[in-house]
Amino acid sequence: MKSAHNPSTVHPPVSTYSHAIEVPPNARWLCVSGQVALSLEGRIPEGFAEQCELAWANLYRILESSGMGMDDLVKLNIYMVNEKDLPAFREVRDRYLGSARPASTLVFVKAHARPEWLLEIEATAAKV
């Protein structure tokens, strides 16, 4: 069982995450490359909300194919282009994460490998 660490000596998390996640010995680890809004057919949606939905769906499908789920997430690294998209990102993220609270970092970047991509979600998961 993973343990969240949000000590009273540190400011509480300001969003849907934990300050730290401890993984027990002998857990199975999964490192997920950054997921972007690229459909199975190679299509990239134009709008941010649609891209966000697809990137989270891709992450979900990868976890599922490994016998894992959102509750197994340990760490997320999120890279977004536009600060104005943060409310839409949080809405989609919160829906996909449910009660999961992995450690998380969100960074705004100038661009991604393809200029059409507006966000990228990199993840680490662990299952006991």
C-alpha atoms as a PDB file:
ATOM      1  CA  MET A   1       0.000   0.000   0.000  1.00  0.00           C
ATOM      2  CA  LYS A   2       1.341   3.419  -0.942  1.00  0.00           C
ATOM      3  CA  SER A   3       1.449   6.103   1.725  1.00  0.00           C
ATOM      4  CA  ALA A   4       0.883   9.814   1.156  1.00  0.00           C
ATOM      5  CA  HIS A   5       3.043  12.246   3.114  1.00  0.00           C
ATOM      6  CA  ASN A   6       1.512  15.669   3.714  1.00  0.00           C
ATOM      7  CA  PRO A   7       3.062  16.657   7.065  1.00  0.00           C
ATOM      8  CA  SER A   8       1.531  19.391   9.191  1.00  0.00           C
ATOM      9  CA  THR A   9       4.927  21.130   9.134  1.00  0.00           C
ATOM     10  CA  VAL A  10       4.504  21.909   5.408  1.00  0.00           C
ATOM     11  CA  HIS A  11       1.767  23.951   3.707  1.00  0.00           C
ATOM     12  CA  PRO A  12      -1.072  21.652   2.559  1.00  0.00           C
ATOM     13  CA  PRO A  13      -1.141  20.790  -1.170  1.00  0.00           C
ATOM     14  CA  VAL A  14      -2.773  23.605  -3.144  1.00  0.00           C
ATOM     15  CA  SER A  15      -4.471  21.266  -5.604  1.00  0.00           C
ATOM     16  CA  THR A  16      -5.095  17.582  -6.394  1.00  0.00           C
ATOM     17  CA  TYR A  17      -1.781  16.034  -5.328  1.00  0.00           C
ATOM     18  CA  SER A  18       0.286  14.873  -2.342  1.00  0.00           C
ATOM     19  CA  HIS A  19       3.637  16.316  -1.326  1.00  0.00           C
ATOM     20  CA  ALA A  20       5.183  12.844  -1.374  1.00  0.00           C
ATOM     21  CA  ILE A  21       4.199   9.232  -1.982  1.00  0.00           C
ATOM     22  CA  GLU A  22       6.013   6.323  -0.350  1.00  0.00           C
ATOM     23  CA  VAL A  23       6.016   3.006  -2.193  1.00  0.00           C
ATOM     24  CA  PRO A  24       6.544  -0.217  -0.224  1.00  0.00           C
ATOM     25  CA  PRO A  25       9.375  -2.653  -0.994  1.00  0.00           C
ATOM     26  CA  ASN A  26       8.904  -5.159  -3.823  1.00  0.00           C
ATOM     27  CA  ALA A  27       6.367  -3.029  -5.699  1.00  0.00           C
ATOM     28  CA  ARG A  28       6.171  -3.304  -9.486  1.00  0.00           C
ATOM     29  CA  TRP A  29       7.105   0.044 -11.109  1.00  0.00           C
ATOM     30  CA  LEU A  30       5.880   1.517 -14.391  1.00  0.00           C
ATOM     31  CA  CYS A  31       7.466   4.609 -15.982  1.00  0.00           C
ATOM     32  CA  VAL A  32       5.182   6.168 -18.587  1.00  0.00           C
ATOM     33  CA  SER A  33       6.599   8.412 -21.288  1.00  0.00           C
ATOM     34  CA  GLY A  34       4.946  11.774 -21.754  1.00  0.00           C
ATOM     35  CA  GLN A  35       1.457  11.309 -23.158  1.00  0.00           C
ATOM     36  CA  VAL A  36       0.143  13.858 -25.612  1.00  0.00           C
ATOM     37  CA  ALA A  37      -3.079  14.343 -27.526  1.00  0.00           C
ATOM     38  CA  LEU A  38      -2.477  11.905 -30.355  1.00  0.00           C
ATOM     39  CA  SER A  39      -5.320   9.571 -31.296  1.00  0.00           C
ATOM     40  CA  LEU A  40      -4.874   5.998 -32.476  1.00  0.00           C
ATOM     41  CA  GLU A  41      -5.428   7.323 -36.015  1.00  0.00           C
ATOM     42  CA  GLY A  42      -2.726   9.973 -35.565  1.00  0.00           C
ATOM     43  CA  ARG A  43      -5.158  12.879 -35.172  1.00  0.00           C
ATOM     44  CA  ILE A  44      -4.419  15.831 -32.863  1.00  0.00           C
ATOM     45  CA  PRO A  45      -7.515  17.663 -31.574  1.00  0.00           C
ATOM     46  CA  GLU A  46      -7.401  21.442 -32.008  1.00  0.00           C
ATOM     47  CA  GLY A  47      -8.779  22.670 -28.683  1.00  0.00           C
ATOM     48  CA  PHE A  48      -7.087  22.379 -25.315  1.00  0.00           C
ATOM     49  CA  ALA A  49      -9.995  20.628 -23.557  1.00  0.00           C
ATOM     50  CA  GLU A  50     -10.091  17.948 -26.257  1.00  0.00           C
ATOM     51  CA  GLN A  51      -6.306  17.527 -26.139  1.00  0.00           C
ATOM     52  CA  CYS A  52      -6.370  17.267 -22.367  1.00  0.00           C
ATOM     53  CA  GLU A  53      -9.117  14.637 -22.467  1.00  0.00           C
ATOM     54  CA  LEU A  54      -7.189  12.557 -25.025  1.00  0.00           C
ATOM     55  CA  ALA A  55      -3.845  12.784 -23.197  1.00  0.00           C
ATOM     56  CA  TRP A  56      -5.477  11.605 -19.936  1.00  0.00           C
ATOM     57  CA  ALA A  57      -7.331   8.841 -21.805  1.00  0.00           C
ATOM     58  CA  ASN A  58      -4.037   7.684 -23.335  1.00  0.00           C
ATOM     59  CA  LEU A  59      -2.422   7.589 -19.891  1.00  0.00           C
ATOM     60  CA  TYR A  60      -5.403   5.664 -18.503  1.00  0.00           C
ATOM     61  CA  ARG A  61      -5.183   3.090 -21.324  1.00  0.00           C
ATOM     62  CA  ILE A  62      -1.458   2.560 -20.750  1.00  0.00           C
ATOM     63  CA  LEU A  63      -1.992   2.028 -17.025  1.00  0.00           C
ATOM     64  CA  GLU A  64      -4.861  -0.350 -17.765  1.00  0.00           C
ATOM     65  CA  SER A  65      -2.732  -2.359 -20.215  1.00  0.00           C
ATOM     66  CA  SER A  66      -0.217  -2.838 -17.394  1.00  0.00           C
ATOM     67  CA  GLY A  67      -2.825  -4.019 -14.899  1.00  0.00           C
ATOM     68  CA  MET A  68      -2.739  -0.678 -13.111  1.00  0.00           C
ATOM     69  CA  GLY A  69      -5.046   2.269 -12.617  1.00  0.00           C
ATOM     70  CA  MET A  70      -5.050   5.890 -11.512  1.00  0.00           C
ATOM     71  CA  ASP A  71      -4.792   4.812  -7.854  1.00  0.00           C
ATOM     72  CA  ASP A  72      -1.379   3.311  -8.666  1.00  0.00           C
ATOM     73  CA  LEU A  73       0.075   6.643  -9.817  1.00  0.00           C
ATOM     74  CA  VAL A  74       3.029   7.779  -7.740  1.00  0.00           C
ATOM     75  CA  LYS A  75       4.256  10.864  -9.630  1.00  0.00           C
ATOM     76  CA  LEU A  76       2.968  13.082 -12.420  1.00  0.00           C
ATOM     77  CA  ASN A  77       4.914  15.667 -14.404  1.00  0.00           C
ATOM     78  CA  ILE A  78       2.645  17.943 -16.423  1.00  0.00           C
ATOM     79  CA  TYR A  79       3.954  20.261 -19.136  1.00  0.00           C
ATOM     80  CA  MET A  80       1.519  22.856 -20.493  1.00  0.00           C
ATOM     81  CA  VAL A  81       1.942  25.693 -22.980  1.00  0.00           C
ATOM     82  CA  ASN A  82      -0.781  28.149 -21.923  1.00  0.00           C
ATOM     83  CA  GLU A  83      -1.476  29.275 -18.363  1.00  0.00           C
ATOM     84  CA  LYS A  84      -5.027  30.218 -19.369  1.00  0.00           C
ATOM     85  CA  ASP A  85      -5.780  26.504 -19.852  1.00  0.00           C
ATOM     86  CA  LEU A  86      -5.172  25.660 -16.188  1.00  0.00           C
ATOM     87  CA  PRO A  87      -8.872  25.627 -15.116  1.00  0.00           C
ATOM     88  CA  ALA A  88      -9.791  23.246 -17.965  1.00  0.00           C
ATOM     89  CA  PHE A  89      -6.784  21.074 -17.132  1.00  0.00           C
ATOM     90  CA  ARG A  90      -7.795  20.836 -13.471  1.00  0.00           C
ATOM     91  CA  GLU A  91     -11.363  19.843 -14.371  1.00  0.00           C
ATOM     92  CA  VAL A  92     -10.230  16.966 -16.602  1.00  0.00           C
ATOM     93  CA  ARG A  93      -7.394  15.923 -14.270  1.00  0.00           C
ATOM     94  CA  ASP A  94      -9.671  15.793 -11.223  1.00  0.00           C
ATOM     95  CA  ARG A  95     -12.223  13.690 -13.100  1.00  0.00           C
ATOM     96  CA  TYR A  96      -9.596  11.160 -14.206  1.00  0.00           C
ATOM     97  CA  LEU A  97      -7.759  11.023 -10.873  1.00  0.00           C
ATOM     98  CA  GLY A  98     -10.850  10.630  -8.721  1.00  0.00           C
ATOM     99  CA  SER A  99      -9.543  10.141  -5.184  1.00  0.00           C
ATOM    100  CA  ALA A 100      -5.938   9.439  -6.285  1.00  0.00           C
ATOM    101  CA  ARG A 101      -3.435  12.026  -5.044  1.00  0.00           C
ATOM    102  CA  PRO A 102      -0.021  11.280  -6.588  1.00  0.00           C
ATOM    103  CA  ALA A 103       2.924  13.592  -6.135  1.00  0.00           C
ATOM    104  CA  SER A 104       2.780  16.104  -8.975  1.00  0.00           C
ATOM    105  CA  THR A 105       4.665  18.873 -10.734  1.00  0.00           C
ATOM    106  CA  LEU A 106       3.135  21.270 -13.255  1.00  0.00           C
ATOM    107  CA  VAL A 107       5.370  23.383 -15.474  1.00  0.00           C
ATOM    108  CA  PHE A 108       4.529  25.849 -18.219  1.00  0.00           C
ATOM    109  CA  VAL A 109       6.783  25.459 -21.242  1.00  0.00           C
ATOM    110  CA  LYS A 110       7.293  27.431 -24.426  1.00  0.00           C
ATOM    111  CA  ALA A 111       6.497  24.517 -26.759  1.00  0.00           C
ATOM    112  CA  HIS A 112       6.467  20.758 -27.214  1.00  0.00           C
ATOM    113  CA  ALA A 113       8.121  18.549 -29.861  1.00  0.00           C
ATOM    114  CA  ARG A 114       5.166  19.286 -32.154  1.00  0.00           C
ATOM    115  CA  PRO A 115       3.839  22.837 -31.954  1.00  0.00           C
ATOM    116  CA  GLU A 116       0.210  21.617 -32.080  1.00  0.00           C
ATOM    117  CA  TRP A 117       0.532  19.833 -28.742  1.00  0.00           C
ATOM    118  CA  LEU A 118      -0.656  21.955 -25.835  1.00  0.00           C
ATOM    119  CA  LEU A 119       0.190  19.585 -22.967  1.00  0.00           C
ATOM    120  CA  GLU A 120       2.128  16.456 -22.084  1.00  0.00           C
ATOM    121  CA  ILE A 121       1.570  14.138 -19.108  1.00  0.00           C
ATOM    122  CA  GLU A 122       4.453  12.013 -17.846  1.00  0.00           C
ATOM    123  CA  ALA A 123       3.765   9.482 -15.093  1.00  0.00           C
ATOM    124  CA  THR A 124       5.260   6.943 -12.725  1.00  0.00           C
ATOM    125  CA  ALA A 125       3.082   4.242 -11.183  1.00  0.00           C
ATOM    126  CA  ALA A 126       3.727   1.429  -8.718  1.00  0.00           C
ATOM    127  CA  LYS A 127       1.655  -1.586  -7.746  1.00  0.00           C
ATOM    128  CA  VAL A 128       2.192  -3.873  -4.798  1.00  0.00           C
END
